[in-house]
PDB file of N, CA and C in Angstrom:
ATOM      1  N   MET A   1     -16.529  19.426  -6.318  1.00  0.00           N
ATOM      2  CA  MET A   1     -15.476  19.318  -5.158  1.00  0.00           C
ATOM      3  C   MET A   1     -14.821  18.004  -4.799  1.00  0.00           C
ATOM      4  N   ILE A   2     -13.634  18.056  -4.424  1.00  0.00           N
ATOM      5  CA  ILE A   2     -12.862  16.957  -3.991  1.00  0.00           C
ATOM      6  C   ILE A   2     -12.529  17.050  -2.547  1.00  0.00           C
ATOM      7  N   HIS A   3     -13.260  15.857  -1.860  1.00  0.00           N
ATOM      8  CA  HIS A   3     -13.233  15.083  -0.797  1.00  0.00           C
ATOM      9  C   HIS A   3     -12.028  14.678  -0.190  1.00  0.00           C
ATOM     10  N   VAL A   4     -11.121  14.918   0.812  1.00  0.00           N
ATOM     11  CA  VAL A   4     -10.140  13.400   0.948  1.00  0.00           C
ATOM     12  C   VAL A   4     -10.209  13.222   2.942  1.00  0.00           C
ATOM     13  N   ILE A   5     -10.233  11.837   2.912  1.00  0.00           N
ATOM     14  CA  ILE A   5      -9.962  11.450   3.862  1.00  0.00           C
ATOM     15  C   ILE A   5      -8.823  10.625   4.178  1.00  0.00           C
ATOM     16  N   ALA A   6      -7.991  11.620   5.227  1.00  0.00           N
ATOM     17  CA  ALA A   6      -6.206  11.052   5.890  1.00  0.00           C
ATOM     18  C   ALA A   6      -6.622  10.333   6.601  1.00  0.00           C
ATOM     19  N   ILE A   7      -5.978   8.820   6.676  1.00  0.00           N
ATOM     20  CA  ILE A   7      -6.056   8.630   7.991  1.00  0.00           C
ATOM     21  C   ILE A   7      -4.409   8.126   8.269  1.00  0.00           C
ATOM     22  N   ILE A   8      -3.956   8.685   9.081  1.00  0.00           N
ATOM     23  CA  ILE A   8      -2.603   8.973   9.926  1.00  0.00           C
ATOM     24  C   ILE A   8      -2.689   8.152  11.146  1.00  0.00           C
ATOM     25  N   THR A   9      -1.417   7.409  10.644  1.00  0.00           N
ATOM     26  CA  THR A   9      -1.294   6.586  12.569  1.00  0.00           C
ATOM     27  C   THR A   9       0.014   6.398  12.769  1.00  0.00           C
ATOM     28  N   THR A  10       0.037   7.308  14.099  1.00  0.00           N
ATOM     29  CA  THR A  10       1.682   7.682  13.818  1.00  0.00           C
ATOM     30  C   THR A  10       2.084   6.350  14.685  1.00  0.00           C
ATOM     31  N   GLN A  11       3.546   6.421  15.257  1.00  0.00           N
ATOM     32  CA  GLN A  11       4.195   5.959  15.808  1.00  0.00           C
ATOM     33  C   GLN A  11       3.675   5.483  17.316  1.00  0.00           C
ATOM     34  N   THR A  12       3.426   4.642  18.749  1.00  0.00           N
ATOM     35  CA  THR A  12       3.146   3.993  19.203  1.00  0.00           C
ATOM     36  C   THR A  12       3.635   5.717  20.398  1.00  0.00           C
ATOM     37  N   GLY A  13       2.532   6.366  20.889  1.00  0.00           N
ATOM     38  CA  GLY A  13       2.492   7.291  21.702  1.00  0.00           C
ATOM     39  C   GLY A  13       2.449   8.947  21.289  1.00  0.00           C
ATOM     40  N   LYS A  14       2.972   8.682  20.216  1.00  0.00           N
ATOM     41  CA  LYS A  14       3.476  10.004  19.364  1.00  0.00           C
ATOM     42  C   LYS A  14       1.536  11.339  18.579  1.00  0.00           C
ATOM     43  N   ARG A  15       1.134  10.314  18.400  1.00  0.00           N
ATOM     44  CA  ARG A  15      -0.372  11.100  18.475  1.00  0.00           C
ATOM     45  C   ARG A  15      -0.291  13.335  18.072  1.00  0.00           C
ATOM     46  N   ALA A  16      -0.049  12.753  19.842  1.00  0.00           N
ATOM     47  CA  ALA A  16      -0.109  14.391  20.832  1.00  0.00           C
ATOM     48  C   ALA A  16       1.436  14.744  19.816  1.00  0.00           C
ATOM     49  N   GLU A  17       2.334  14.528  19.912  1.00  0.00           N
ATOM     50  CA  GLU A  17       2.847  14.995  19.390  1.00  0.00           C
ATOM     51  C   GLU A  17       3.361  15.694  17.451  1.00  0.00           C
ATOM     52  N   VAL A  18       2.327  14.875  17.071  1.00  0.00           N
ATOM     53  CA  VAL A  18       1.938  14.901  15.341  1.00  0.00           C
ATOM     54  C   VAL A  18       1.148  16.371  15.522  1.00  0.00           C
ATOM     55  N   LEU A  19       0.307  16.092  16.318  1.00  0.00           N
ATOM     56  CA  LEU A  19      -0.806  16.923  16.256  1.00  0.00           C
ATOM     57  C   LEU A  19      -0.539  17.925  16.570  1.00  0.00           C
ATOM     58  N   GLU A  20       0.264  18.027  17.630  1.00  0.00           N
ATOM     59  CA  GLU A  20       0.705  19.645  17.877  1.00  0.00           C
ATOM     60  C   GLU A  20       1.313  20.313  16.466  1.00  0.00           C
ATOM     61  N   ALA A  21       2.429  20.117  15.779  1.00  0.00           N
ATOM     62  CA  ALA A  21       2.556  20.338  15.065  1.00  0.00           C
ATOM     63  C   ALA A  21       2.222  20.349  13.713  1.00  0.00           C
ATOM     64  N   PHE A  22       0.948  19.654  13.171  1.00  0.00           N
ATOM     65  CA  PHE A  22      -0.072  19.459  12.452  1.00  0.00           C
ATOM     66  C   PHE A  22      -1.116  20.880  12.613  1.00  0.00           C
ATOM     67  N   ALA A  23      -1.112  21.627  14.105  1.00  0.00           N
ATOM     68  CA  ALA A  23      -1.896  22.826  14.140  1.00  0.00           C
ATOM     69  C   ALA A  23      -1.270  23.805  13.754  1.00  0.00           C
ATOM     70  N   THR A  24       0.416  24.075  13.544  1.00  0.00           N
ATOM     71  CA  THR A  24       1.107  24.885  13.227  1.00  0.00           C
ATOM     72  C   THR A  24       0.975  25.110  12.164  1.00  0.00           C
ATOM     73  N   VAL A  25       0.781  24.371  10.601  1.00  0.00           N
ATOM     74  CA  VAL A  25       0.216  24.189   9.427  1.00  0.00           C
ATOM     75  C   VAL A  25      -1.095  24.628   9.293  1.00  0.00           C
ATOM     76  N   VAL A  26      -1.954  23.855  10.106  1.00  0.00           N
ATOM     77  CA  VAL A  26      -3.474  24.360   9.560  1.00  0.00           C
ATOM     78  C   VAL A  26      -3.750  25.868   9.036  1.00  0.00           C
ATOM     79  N   PRO A  27      -2.999  26.677   9.543  1.00  0.00           N
ATOM     80  CA  PRO A  27      -3.772  28.182   9.235  1.00  0.00           C
ATOM     81  C   PRO A  27      -2.902  28.180   7.715  1.00  0.00           C
ATOM     82  N   LYS A  28      -1.796  27.724   7.353  1.00  0.00           N
ATOM     83  CA  LYS A  28      -1.575  27.754   6.259  1.00  0.00           C
ATOM     84  C   LYS A  28      -1.902  27.223   5.274  1.00  0.00           C
ATOM     85  N   VAL A  29      -2.697  26.368   4.947  1.00  0.00           N
ATOM     86  CA  VAL A  29      -3.408  25.251   4.681  1.00  0.00           C
ATOM     87  C   VAL A  29      -5.047  25.617   4.288  1.00  0.00           C
ATOM     88  N   HIS A  30      -4.990  26.544   5.481  1.00  0.00           N
ATOM     89  CA  HIS A  30      -6.338  27.111   5.203  1.00  0.00           C
ATOM     90  C   HIS A  30      -6.631  28.488   4.446  1.00  0.00           C
ATOM     91  N   ALA A  31      -5.268  29.180   4.332  1.00  0.00           N
ATOM     92  CA  ALA A  31      -5.103  30.273   3.303  1.00  0.00           C
ATOM     93  C   ALA A  31      -5.058  30.169   1.839  1.00  0.00           C
ATOM     94  N   GLU A  32      -4.903  28.255   1.991  1.00  0.00           N
ATOM     95  CA  GLU A  32      -4.457  28.107   0.092  1.00  0.00           C
ATOM     96  C   GLU A  32      -5.495  28.310  -0.423  1.00  0.00           C
ATOM     97  N   ALA A  33      -5.521  28.485  -1.571  1.00  0.00           N
ATOM     98  CA  ALA A  33      -6.472  28.669  -2.407  1.00  0.00           C
ATOM     99  C   ALA A  33      -6.877  27.330  -2.945  1.00  0.00           C
ATOM    100  N   GLY A  34      -8.528  27.386  -2.720  1.00  0.00           N
ATOM    101  CA  GLY A  34      -9.329  26.144  -2.830  1.00  0.00           C
ATOM    102  C   GLY A  34      -9.222  25.777  -1.837  1.00  0.00           C
ATOM    103  N   CYS A  35      -8.822  26.016  -0.378  1.00  0.00           N
ATOM    104  CA  CYS A  35      -9.494  25.056   0.535  1.00  0.00           C
ATOM    105  C   CYS A  35     -10.372  25.439   1.204  1.00  0.00           C
ATOM    106  N   ILE A  36     -11.041  24.101   1.237  1.00  0.00           N
ATOM    107  CA  ILE A  36     -12.770  24.299   1.777  1.00  0.00           C
ATOM    108  C   ILE A  36     -13.100  24.199   2.982  1.00  0.00           C
ATOM    109  N   GLU A  37     -11.755  22.801   3.604  1.00  0.00           N
ATOM    110  CA  GLU A  37     -12.080  22.643   4.972  1.00  0.00           C
ATOM    111  C   GLU A  37     -10.809  21.588   5.035  1.00  0.00           C
ATOM    112  N   TYR A  38     -10.010  21.269   6.359  1.00  0.00           N
ATOM    113  CA  TYR A  38      -9.292  21.239   6.182  1.00  0.00           C
ATOM    114  C   TYR A  38      -8.528  21.122   7.928  1.00  0.00           C
ATOM    115  N   VAL A  39      -9.023  19.474   8.489  1.00  0.00           N
ATOM    116  CA  VAL A  39      -9.197  19.679  10.009  1.00  0.00           C
ATOM    117  C   VAL A  39      -9.110  18.236  10.633  1.00  0.00           C
ATOM    118  N   PRO A  40      -8.150  18.072  11.650  1.00  0.00           N
ATOM    119  CA  PRO A  40      -8.025  17.004  12.247  1.00  0.00           C
ATOM    120  C   PRO A  40      -8.990  16.363  13.194  1.00  0.00           C
ATOM    121  N   VAL A  41      -9.422  14.887  13.202  1.00  0.00           N
ATOM    122  CA  VAL A  41     -10.377  15.037  13.760  1.00  0.00           C
ATOM    123  C   VAL A  41      -9.552  13.241  14.436  1.00  0.00           C
ATOM    124  N   THR A  42     -10.399  12.917  15.737  1.00  0.00           N
ATOM    125  CA  THR A  42      -9.955  11.904  16.487  1.00  0.00           C
ATOM    126  C   THR A  42     -11.162  11.023  17.374  1.00  0.00           C
ATOM    127  N   ASP A  43     -11.204   9.759  17.798  1.00  0.00           N
ATOM    128  CA  ASP A  43     -12.607   9.281  18.184  1.00  0.00           C
ATOM    129  C   ASP A  43     -13.223  10.420  19.375  1.00  0.00           C
ATOM    130  N   ALA A  44     -14.579  10.819  19.240  1.00  0.00           N
ATOM    131  CA  ALA A  44     -15.259  10.790  19.674  1.00  0.00           C
ATOM    132  C   ALA A  44     -15.451   9.850  21.440  1.00  0.00           C
ATOM    133  N   HIS A  45     -15.554  10.689  22.148  1.00  0.00           N
ATOM    134  CA  HIS A  45     -16.233   9.633  23.070  1.00  0.00           C
ATOM    135  C   HIS A  45     -16.941   9.392  23.666  1.00  0.00           C
ATOM    136  N   ASP A  46     -17.024   8.543  24.068  1.00  0.00           N
ATOM    137  CA  ASP A  46     -18.501   7.578  24.589  1.00  0.00           C
ATOM    138  C   ASP A  46     -19.225   7.578  23.101  1.00  0.00           C
ATOM    139  N   ALA A  47     -19.239   7.731  22.195  1.00  0.00           N
ATOM    140  CA  ALA A  47     -20.130   7.475  20.816  1.00  0.00           C
ATOM    141  C   ALA A  47     -20.901   6.095  20.927  1.00  0.00           C
ATOM    142  N   GLY A  48     -20.489   5.192  21.479  1.00  0.00           N
ATOM    143  CA  GLY A  48     -21.394   4.187  21.579  1.00  0.00           C
ATOM    144  C   GLY A  48     -21.255   2.725  20.594  1.00  0.00           C
ATOM    145  N   ALA A  49     -22.225   1.707  20.790  1.00  0.00           N
ATOM    146  CA  ALA A  49     -22.441   0.850  19.729  1.00  0.00           C
ATOM    147  C   ALA A  49     -21.887   1.115  18.101  1.00  0.00           C
ATOM    148  N   ILE A  50     -22.374   2.497  18.080  1.00  0.00           N
ATOM    149  CA  ILE A  50     -22.157   2.943  16.717  1.00  0.00           C
ATOM    150  C   ILE A  50     -20.512   3.074  15.675  1.00  0.00           C
ATOM    151  N   GLN A  51     -19.716   3.292  16.778  1.00  0.00           N
ATOM    152  CA  GLN A  51     -18.555   3.626  16.856  1.00  0.00           C
ATOM    153  C   GLN A  51     -17.529   2.846  16.431  1.00  0.00           C
ATOM    154  N   THR A  52     -16.836   2.977  15.382  1.00  0.00           N
ATOM    155  CA  THR A  52     -15.621   1.839  14.975  1.00  0.00           C
ATOM    156  C   THR A  52     -14.606   3.094  15.390  1.00  0.00           C
ATOM    157  N   SER A  53     -13.364   2.937  16.366  1.00  0.00           N
ATOM    158  CA  SER A  53     -12.216   3.429  16.458  1.00  0.00           C
ATOM    159  C   SER A  53     -11.347   3.052  15.993  1.00  0.00           C
ATOM    160  N   VAL A  54     -10.646   4.604  15.254  1.00  0.00           N
ATOM    161  CA  VAL A  54      -9.533   4.420  14.824  1.00  0.00           C
ATOM    162  C   VAL A  54      -8.505   4.280  15.463  1.00  0.00           C
ATOM    163  N   GLY A  55      -8.400   4.492  17.005  1.00  0.00           N
ATOM    164  CA  GLY A  55      -7.491   4.142  18.094  1.00  0.00           C
ATOM    165  C   GLY A  55      -6.609   5.354  18.765  1.00  0.00           C
ATOM    166  N   PRO A  56      -5.830   5.234  19.838  1.00  0.00           N
ATOM    167  CA  PRO A  56      -5.171   6.260  20.410  1.00  0.00           C
ATOM    168  C   PRO A  56      -4.049   6.752  19.625  1.00  0.00           C
ATOM    169  N   ASP A  57      -3.146   6.343  18.544  1.00  0.00           N
ATOM    170  CA  ASP A  57      -2.463   6.538  18.120  1.00  0.00           C
ATOM    171  C   ASP A  57      -2.736   6.656  16.365  1.00  0.00           C
ATOM    172  N   THR A  58      -4.047   7.254  16.027  1.00  0.00           N
ATOM    173  CA  THR A  58      -4.635   7.475  14.915  1.00  0.00           C
ATOM    174  C   THR A  58      -5.574   8.644  14.854  1.00  0.00           C
ATOM    175  N   PHE A  59      -5.256   9.503  13.822  1.00  0.00           N
ATOM    176  CA  PHE A  59      -6.311  10.691  13.771  1.00  0.00           C
ATOM    177  C   PHE A  59      -6.665  10.472  12.436  1.00  0.00           C
ATOM    178  N   VAL A  60      -7.894  11.085  11.893  1.00  0.00           N
ATOM    179  CA  VAL A  60      -8.144  11.423  10.666  1.00  0.00           C
ATOM    180  C   VAL A  60      -7.959  12.547   9.916  1.00  0.00           C
ATOM    181  N   VAL A  61      -7.476  13.517   9.185  1.00  0.00           N
ATOM    182  CA  VAL A  61      -7.999  14.360   8.388  1.00  0.00           C
ATOM    183  C   VAL A  61      -8.780  14.069   7.358  1.00  0.00           C
ATOM    184  N   VAL A  62      -9.927  15.648   7.890  1.00  0.00           N
ATOM    185  CA  VAL A  62     -10.520  15.552   6.815  1.00  0.00           C
ATOM    186  C   VAL A  62     -10.776  17.331   5.649  1.00  0.00           C
ATOM    187  N   GLU A  63     -10.759  16.687   4.807  1.00  0.00           N
ATOM    188  CA  GLU A  63     -10.102  18.071   4.060  1.00  0.00           C
ATOM    189  C   GLU A  63     -11.497  18.006   2.437  1.00  0.00           C
ATOM    190  N   LYS A  64     -11.818  19.514   2.445  1.00  0.00           N
ATOM    191  CA  LYS A  64     -12.448  19.780   1.366  1.00  0.00           C
ATOM    192  C   LYS A  64     -11.577  20.839   0.324  1.00  0.00           C
ATOM    193  N   TRP A  65     -11.708  20.477  -1.214  1.00  0.00           N
ATOM    194  CA  TRP A  65     -11.300  21.143  -1.869  1.00  0.00           C
ATOM    195  C   TRP A  65     -12.005  21.579  -3.345  1.00  0.00           C
ATOM    196  N   ALA A  66     -11.882  22.348  -3.802  1.00  0.00           N
ATOM    197  CA  ALA A  66     -12.867  23.356  -4.841  1.00  0.00           C
ATOM    198  C   ALA A  66     -12.385  22.244  -5.449  1.00  0.00           C
ATOM    199  N   SER A  67     -11.016  22.127  -6.226  1.00  0.00           N
ATOM    200  CA  SER A  67     -10.694  21.379  -6.902  1.00  0.00           C
ATOM    201  C   SER A  67      -9.467  20.301  -7.071  1.00  0.00           C
ATOM    202  N   LEU A  68      -9.396  18.803  -7.698  1.00  0.00           N
ATOM    203  CA  LEU A  68      -8.332  18.520  -7.830  1.00  0.00           C
ATOM    204  C   LEU A  68      -6.869  19.274  -8.193  1.00  0.00           C
ATOM    205  N   SER A  69      -6.738  20.664  -8.758  1.00  0.00           N
ATOM    206  CA  SER A  69      -5.478  21.276  -9.086  1.00  0.00           C
ATOM    207  C   SER A  69      -5.405  21.750  -7.739  1.00  0.00           C
ATOM    208  N   ALA A  70      -6.057  22.232  -7.062  1.00  0.00           N
ATOM    209  CA  ALA A  70      -6.220  22.716  -5.976  1.00  0.00           C
ATOM    210  C   ALA A  70      -5.503  21.817  -4.852  1.00  0.00           C
ATOM    211  N   LEU A  71      -6.212  20.770  -4.710  1.00  0.00           N
ATOM    212  CA  LEU A  71      -5.408  19.886  -4.222  1.00  0.00           C
ATOM    213  C   LEU A  71      -3.887  19.790  -4.277  1.00  0.00           C
ATOM    214  N   ASN A  72      -4.076  19.240  -4.951  1.00  0.00           N
ATOM    215  CA  ASN A  72      -2.165  18.891  -5.909  1.00  0.00           C
ATOM    216  C   ASN A  72      -1.453  20.160  -5.638  1.00  0.00           C
ATOM    217  N   ALA A  73      -1.692  21.642  -5.587  1.00  0.00           N
ATOM    218  CA  ALA A  73      -0.889  22.578  -5.152  1.00  0.00           C
ATOM    219  C   ALA A  73      -0.761  22.412  -3.800  1.00  0.00           C
ATOM    220  N   HIS A  74      -1.476  21.990  -2.774  1.00  0.00           N
ATOM    221  CA  HIS A  74      -1.633  21.951  -1.547  1.00  0.00           C
ATOM    222  C   HIS A  74      -0.435  20.793  -1.169  1.00  0.00           C
ATOM    223  N   SER A  75      -0.720  19.386  -1.765  1.00  0.00           N
ATOM    224  CA  SER A  75       0.363  18.602  -1.916  1.00  0.00           C
ATOM    225  C   SER A  75       1.828  18.925  -1.838  1.00  0.00           C
ATOM    226  N   ALA A  76       1.933  19.864  -3.174  1.00  0.00           N
ATOM    227  CA  ALA A  76       3.357  20.332  -3.015  1.00  0.00           C
ATOM    228  C   ALA A  76       3.746  21.662  -2.624  1.00  0.00           C
ATOM    229  N   SER A  77       3.115  22.143  -1.341  1.00  0.00           N
ATOM    230  CA  SER A  77       3.247  22.928  -1.015  1.00  0.00           C
ATOM    231  C   SER A  77       4.693  23.040  -0.425  1.00  0.00           C
ATOM    232  N   SER A  78       5.539  24.155   0.001  1.00  0.00           N
ATOM    233  CA  SER A  78       6.499  24.207   1.242  1.00  0.00           C
ATOM    234  C   SER A  78       6.272  24.061   2.306  1.00  0.00           C
ATOM    235  N   HIS A  79       5.348  24.214   2.938  1.00  0.00           N
ATOM    236  CA  HIS A  79       4.431  24.064   4.137  1.00  0.00           C
ATOM    237  C   HIS A  79       4.578  22.838   4.255  1.00  0.00           C
ATOM    238  N   MET A  80       3.850  22.130   3.399  1.00  0.00           N
ATOM    239  CA  MET A  80       3.630  20.787   3.479  1.00  0.00           C
ATOM    240  C   MET A  80       4.714  19.719   3.793  1.00  0.00           C
ATOM    241  N   ALA A  81       5.650  20.150   2.804  1.00  0.00           N
ATOM    242  CA  ALA A  81       6.893  19.624   2.686  1.00  0.00           C
ATOM    243  C   ALA A  81       7.581  19.755   4.122  1.00  0.00           C
ATOM    244  N   GLU A  82       7.523  20.788   4.597  1.00  0.00           N
ATOM    245  CA  GLU A  82       8.326  21.296   5.505  1.00  0.00           C
ATOM    246  C   GLU A  82       7.947  20.514   6.898  1.00  0.00           C
ATOM    247  N   TYR A  83       6.422  20.158   7.027  1.00  0.00           N
ATOM    248  CA  TYR A  83       5.834  19.246   8.061  1.00  0.00           C
ATOM    249  C   TYR A  83       6.017  17.912   7.784  1.00  0.00           C
ATOM    250  N   GLY A  84       6.067  17.533   6.894  1.00  0.00           N
ATOM    251  CA  GLY A  84       6.887  16.254   6.561  1.00  0.00           C
ATOM    252  C   GLY A  84       7.708  15.620   7.298  1.00  0.00           C
ATOM    253  N   SER A  85       8.562  16.937   6.753  1.00  0.00           N
ATOM    254  CA  SER A  85      10.232  16.822   7.000  1.00  0.00           C
ATOM    255  C   SER A  85      10.572  16.846   8.967  1.00  0.00           C
ATOM    256  N   GLN A  86       9.282  17.239   9.393  1.00  0.00           N
ATOM    257  CA  GLN A  86       9.507  17.756  10.971  1.00  0.00           C
ATOM    258  C   GLN A  86       8.649  16.085  11.296  1.00  0.00           C
ATOM    259  N   VAL A  87       7.957  15.439  10.828  1.00  0.00           N
ATOM    260  CA  VAL A  87       7.129  14.412  11.603  1.00  0.00           C
ATOM    261  C   VAL A  87       7.076  13.001  10.887  1.00  0.00           C
ATOM    262  N   GLY A  88       8.034  13.009  10.183  1.00  0.00           N
ATOM    263  CA  GLY A  88       7.691  11.645   8.939  1.00  0.00           C
ATOM    264  C   GLY A  88       8.139  10.523   9.611  1.00  0.00           C
ATOM    265  N   HIS A  89       9.157  11.158  10.283  1.00  0.00           N
ATOM    266  CA  HIS A  89       9.617   9.951  11.415  1.00  0.00           C
ATOM    267  C   HIS A  89       8.821   9.872  12.670  1.00  0.00           C
ATOM    268  N   LEU A  90       7.464  10.157  12.792  1.00  0.00           N
ATOM    269  CA  LEU A  90       6.705   9.621  13.635  1.00  0.00           C
ATOM    270  C   LEU A  90       5.425   9.067  13.359  1.00  0.00           C
ATOM    271  N   ILE A  91       5.342   8.673  12.063  1.00  0.00           N
ATOM    272  CA  ILE A  91       4.624   8.045  11.269  1.00  0.00           C
ATOM    273  C   ILE A  91       4.388   6.649  10.878  1.00  0.00           C
ATOM    274  N   ALA A  92       3.927   6.013  11.706  1.00  0.00           N
ATOM    275  CA  ALA A  92       4.072   4.565  11.296  1.00  0.00           C
ATOM    276  C   ALA A  92       2.873   4.114  10.170  1.00  0.00           C
ATOM    277  N   ASP A  93       2.041   4.987   9.520  1.00  0.00           N
ATOM    278  CA  ASP A  93       1.378   4.485   8.105  1.00  0.00           C
ATOM    279  C   ASP A  93       0.477   5.531   8.075  1.00  0.00           C
ATOM    280  N   ARG A  94      -0.113   5.863   6.770  1.00  0.00           N
ATOM    281  CA  ARG A  94      -0.830   6.856   6.001  1.00  0.00           C
ATOM    282  C   ARG A  94      -1.776   5.919   5.121  1.00  0.00           C
ATOM    283  N   VAL A  95      -3.154   6.101   5.138  1.00  0.00           N
ATOM    284  CA  VAL A  95      -4.076   6.239   4.105  1.00  0.00           C
ATOM    285  C   VAL A  95      -5.081   6.865   3.581  1.00  0.00           C
ATOM    286  N   ILE A  96      -4.601   7.400   2.454  1.00  0.00           N
ATOM    287  CA  ILE A  96      -5.190   8.773   2.117  1.00  0.00           C
ATOM    288  C   ILE A  96      -6.434   8.475   0.190  1.00  0.00           C
ATOM    289  N   HIS A  97      -7.827   8.916   0.530  1.00  0.00           N
ATOM    290  CA  HIS A  97      -8.797   8.455   0.213  1.00  0.00           C
ATOM    291  C   HIS A  97      -9.068   9.988  -0.625  1.00  0.00           C
ATOM    292  N   VAL A  98      -8.893  10.203  -1.824  1.00  0.00           N
ATOM    293  CA  VAL A  98      -9.165  11.133  -2.189  1.00  0.00           C
ATOM    294  C   VAL A  98     -10.710  10.719  -3.180  1.00  0.00           C
ATOM    295  N   LEU A  99     -11.667  11.450  -2.920  1.00  0.00           N
ATOM    296  CA  LEU A  99     -13.229  10.974  -3.358  1.00  0.00           C
ATOM    297  C   LEU A  99     -13.683  12.337  -4.071  1.00  0.00           C
ATOM    298  N   GLU A 100     -14.797  12.286  -4.956  1.00  0.00           N
ATOM    299  CA  GLU A 100     -15.633  13.113  -5.190  1.00  0.00           C
ATOM    300  C   GLU A 100     -17.148  13.081  -5.835  1.00  0.00           C
TER     301      GLU A 100
END
């Protein structure tokens, strides 16, 4: 199984706008062959001293894929290209960890 942790930082104050657009692509990703999990997450409130906050302009996408080829097909999909063109200008940084 392939695990992906994508850390997305938006331009200041744009996280909600990016997450709104992200929500429209999630059902399309869930329908992709090999998608096991694909969900955006933000800081838990009041998690205490154990938490290292990602901050108000960052969200993390937690993904699980059946194979690397399924992940590669996802990355090349038309709906992800459309999402990227829609919000790309709102993204300040992204770090993607692909793990197995």
